Amino acid sequence: MIRHSAIRVVCAVLVLAVSSACITVRSPSFLRPAPEREWPSTLSTAEARVSEGRFAAADSVLAQFAARYASSPQAFESTYWRALFSMDPKNAHASIPAAVNYLDAYLTGLYPRQHRQEAFALRAIAGQIDAGRSALALAQTRDATTAQPNAVRIDVPKPAVDPATNDAEIKRLKDELAKANAELERIRRRLAQPPSDRFH
């Protein structure tokens, strides 16, 4: 009888051990590092400010988090979101150069990147927009200088400029800028519904 009882006890222990091995133990949230705990609410707050059109406030929220937890992976991740907000067409103070700096820092950083592919796409778009704007500004400046009757003339031989060709070039550059902005807007809409595991 004692032998059967001992066998039953051993079997019970084995079942308990096997079933325990299948359970995934996750640390309670209060035991996780502060940056990991605070990042989800910080990003949610920044996104809420963006939805209100308060881009400067959104950037400030992210900047304060990055300053407070400068060496954390979450602070590194904040550079991606600051770049995205800096490129948003709805941002009245959008800055492509600032976005480029953030994206370059993000793509060359040491931490794992949660949005690597999106960052590469945004960096390419930012480069196109920046180059397009520079070329457009140069073309418009050249056009305006040619149109000024009192402009100082310098006697240097120049190739003849066909006004129709110049207008066509400006239109082409504007079209390229519009396409780049449309692609940026498409990416922004796709990121408006982030994956549920974004914080894991």
Protein backbone atom coordinates (compact mmCIF):
# COMPACT_ATOMS: atom_id res chain seq x y z
CA MET A 1 0.00 0.00 0.00
CA ILE A 2 2.85 2.32 0.89
CA ARG A 3 4.51 1.47 -2.41
CA HIS A 4 1.40 2.44 -4.40
CA SER A 5 1.14 5.72 -2.47
CA ALA A 6 4.77 6.50 -3.22
CA ILE A 7 4.22 5.83 -6.93
CA ARG A 8 1.20 8.14 -6.97
CA VAL A 9 3.23 10.91 -5.29
CA VAL A 10 6.07 10.52 -7.83
CA CYS A 11 3.58 10.65 -10.73
CA ALA A 12 1.96 13.77 -9.32
CA VAL A 13 5.34 15.47 -8.98
CA LEU A 14 6.26 14.57 -12.58
CA VAL A 15 2.95 15.91 -13.94
CA LEU A 16 3.41 19.11 -11.99
CA ALA A 17 6.98 19.50 -13.25
CA VAL A 18 5.98 18.95 -16.90
CA SER A 19 3.04 21.32 -16.70
CA SER A 20 5.20 23.99 -15.03
CA ALA A 21 7.74 23.73 -17.84
CA CYS A 22 5.08 24.81 -20.33
CA ILE A 23 4.26 28.03 -18.49
CA THR A 24 6.02 31.19 -19.70
CA VAL A 25 7.01 33.33 -16.76
CA ARG A 26 7.04 37.08 -17.49
CA SER A 27 8.27 39.67 -15.05
CA PRO A 28 5.58 41.94 -13.61
CA SER A 29 5.56 45.36 -15.25
CA PHE A 30 6.79 47.08 -12.08
CA LEU A 31 9.96 44.94 -12.18
CA ARG A 32 10.87 45.95 -15.75
CA PRO A 33 13.31 48.84 -16.38
CA ALA A 34 11.75 52.31 -16.25
CA PRO A 35 12.29 53.10 -19.97
CA GLU A 36 10.54 49.87 -20.96
CA ARG A 37 7.62 50.63 -18.64
CA GLU A 38 7.20 54.25 -19.71
CA TRP A 39 7.82 53.98 -23.45
CA PRO A 40 4.33 52.73 -24.48
CA SER A 41 2.54 55.57 -22.71
CA THR A 42 5.12 58.10 -23.95
CA LEU A 43 4.61 57.08 -27.57
CA SER A 44 0.83 57.04 -27.13
CA THR A 45 0.98 60.58 -25.74
CA ALA A 46 3.14 61.74 -28.66
CA GLU A 47 0.76 60.17 -31.18
CA ALA A 48 -2.19 61.83 -29.44
CA ARG A 49 -0.47 65.22 -29.79
CA VAL A 50 0.09 64.53 -33.49
CA SER A 51 -3.57 63.65 -33.98
CA GLU A 52 -4.37 67.03 -32.41
CA GLY A 53 -2.00 68.73 -34.85
CA ARG A 54 0.43 69.62 -32.04
CA PHE A 55 3.62 68.35 -33.66
CA ALA A 56 5.96 70.48 -31.55
CA ALA A 57 4.39 69.08 -28.38
CA ALA A 58 4.75 65.53 -29.73
CA ASP A 59 8.42 66.10 -30.49
CA SER A 60 8.92 67.60 -27.03
CA VAL A 61 7.42 64.50 -25.37
CA LEU A 62 9.83 62.25 -27.27
CA ALA A 63 12.81 64.55 -26.72
CA GLN A 64 12.23 64.60 -22.96
CA PHE A 65 11.99 60.82 -22.85
CA ALA A 66 15.20 60.45 -24.89
CA ALA A 67 17.02 62.88 -22.59
CA ARG A 68 15.79 61.08 -19.46
CA TYR A 69 16.74 57.60 -20.70
CA ALA A 70 19.49 58.44 -23.17
CA SER A 71 21.17 55.03 -23.16
CA SER A 72 18.01 52.94 -23.53
CA PRO A 73 16.79 51.09 -26.64
CA GLN A 74 13.50 52.98 -26.30
CA ALA A 75 15.28 56.35 -26.50
CA PHE A 76 16.99 55.09 -29.65
CA GLU A 77 13.58 54.07 -31.05
CA SER A 78 12.24 57.56 -30.36
CA THR A 79 14.53 58.95 -33.09
CA TYR A 80 12.52 57.02 -35.68
CA TRP A 81 9.25 58.55 -34.50
CA ARG A 82 10.74 62.05 -34.35
CA ALA A 83 11.85 61.60 -37.96
CA LEU A 84 8.39 60.42 -38.98
CA PHE A 85 6.69 63.38 -37.29
CA SER A 86 9.25 65.78 -38.82
CA MET A 87 8.30 64.53 -42.30
CA ASP A 88 4.54 64.54 -41.81
CA PRO A 89 2.97 66.71 -44.56
CA LYS A 90 0.45 68.01 -42.00
CA ASN A 91 3.26 69.39 -39.84
CA ALA A 92 3.39 73.15 -40.45
CA HIS A 93 7.01 73.15 -39.26
CA ALA A 94 8.09 69.97 -41.03
CA SER A 95 11.83 69.74 -41.53
CA ILE A 96 13.28 67.30 -44.04
CA PRO A 97 16.89 67.99 -42.93
CA ALA A 98 15.92 67.21 -39.30
CA ALA A 99 14.18 64.03 -40.42
CA VAL A 100 17.27 62.99 -42.40
CA ASN A 101 19.46 63.48 -39.32
CA TYR A 102 17.12 61.40 -37.15
CA LEU A 103 16.88 58.62 -39.75
CA ASP A 104 20.64 58.50 -40.29
CA ALA A 105 21.14 58.19 -36.52
CA TYR A 106 18.48 55.48 -36.36
CA LEU A 107 19.86 53.46 -39.27
CA THR A 108 23.44 53.56 -38.02
CA GLY A 109 22.69 52.97 -34.33
CA LEU A 110 23.81 49.98 -32.31
CA TYR A 111 20.43 48.88 -30.95
CA PRO A 112 18.04 46.54 -32.81
CA ARG A 113 15.68 48.52 -35.03
CA GLN A 114 11.95 47.77 -34.83
CA HIS A 115 11.21 49.84 -37.95
CA ARG A 116 14.23 49.15 -40.12
CA GLN A 117 12.44 48.75 -43.47
CA GLU A 118 10.18 51.75 -42.89
CA ALA A 119 13.21 53.86 -41.93
CA PHE A 120 15.04 52.91 -45.13
CA ALA A 121 11.95 53.85 -47.18
CA LEU A 122 11.51 57.15 -45.34
CA ARG A 123 15.21 57.98 -45.77
CA ALA A 124 14.97 57.43 -49.52
CA ILE A 125 11.83 59.59 -49.72
CA ALA A 126 13.45 62.32 -47.61
CA GLY A 127 16.44 62.31 -49.94
CA GLN A 128 14.18 62.65 -52.98
CA ILE A 129 12.17 65.47 -51.43
CA ASP A 130 15.32 67.32 -50.34
CA ALA A 131 16.95 66.98 -53.77
CA GLY A 132 13.70 67.94 -55.51
CA ARG A 133 13.24 71.03 -53.38
CA SER A 134 16.83 72.13 -53.96
CA ALA A 135 16.54 71.66 -57.72
CA LEU A 136 13.16 73.41 -57.80
CA ALA A 137 14.47 76.36 -55.80
CA LEU A 138 17.48 76.64 -58.10
CA ALA A 139 15.29 76.49 -61.21
CA GLN A 140 12.87 79.10 -59.84
CA THR A 141 15.73 81.39 -58.81
CA ARG A 142 17.25 81.10 -62.28
CA ASP A 143 13.85 81.81 -63.83
CA ALA A 144 13.23 84.82 -61.58
CA THR A 145 16.69 86.25 -62.31
CA THR A 146 16.13 85.92 -66.06
CA ALA A 147 12.77 87.67 -65.73
CA GLN A 148 14.14 90.70 -63.82
CA PRO A 149 14.62 93.62 -66.25
CA ASN A 150 16.97 95.48 -63.90
CA ALA A 151 19.12 92.48 -62.99
CA VAL A 152 22.88 93.10 -63.16
CA ARG A 153 24.23 91.63 -66.36
CA ILE A 154 27.55 89.83 -66.41
CA ASP A 155 29.15 89.43 -69.80
CA VAL A 156 29.84 85.71 -69.62
CA PRO A 157 28.76 83.54 -72.55
CA LYS A 158 25.78 81.42 -71.53
CA PRO A 159 23.82 78.80 -73.38
CA ALA A 160 20.44 80.00 -74.58
CA VAL A 161 17.65 79.12 -72.15
CA ASP A 162 14.34 78.20 -73.67
CA PRO A 163 11.57 79.51 -71.35
CA ALA A 164 9.33 76.60 -72.34
CA THR A 165 12.07 74.11 -71.40
CA ASN A 166 12.63 75.89 -68.09
CA ASP A 167 8.89 75.78 -67.29
CA ALA A 168 8.77 72.10 -68.20
CA GLU A 169 11.70 71.39 -65.88
CA ILE A 170 10.01 73.21 -62.99
CA LYS A 171 6.79 71.28 -63.65
CA ARG A 172 8.73 67.99 -63.69
CA LEU A 173 10.39 68.81 -60.38
CA LYS A 174 7.05 69.73 -58.84
CA ASP A 175 5.56 66.45 -60.04
CA GLU A 176 8.44 64.49 -58.49
CA LEU A 177 7.98 66.34 -55.22
CA ALA A 178 4.25 65.58 -55.27
CA LYS A 179 4.95 61.87 -55.84
CA ALA A 180 7.44 61.76 -52.97
CA ASN A 181 4.97 63.51 -50.66
CA ALA A 182 2.23 61.08 -51.71
CA GLU A 183 4.47 58.12 -50.87
CA LEU A 184 5.27 59.66 -47.51
CA GLU A 185 1.57 60.11 -46.79
CA ARG A 186 0.95 56.46 -47.71
CA ILE A 187 3.59 55.29 -45.25
CA ARG A 188 2.24 57.62 -42.56
CA ARG A 189 -1.28 56.18 -42.96
CA ARG A 190 0.08 52.63 -42.78
CA LEU A 191 1.91 53.43 -39.56
CA ALA A 192 -1.18 55.03 -38.05
CA GLN A 193 -2.30 51.49 -37.17
CA PRO A 194 0.85 50.05 -35.54
CA PRO A 195 1.17 46.31 -34.92
CA SER A 196 -0.09 45.11 -31.55
CA ASP A 197 3.35 43.79 -30.62
CA ARG A 198 5.12 47.11 -31.23
CA PHE A 199 6.21 47.37 -27.61
CA HIS A 200 7.49 43.77 -27.21
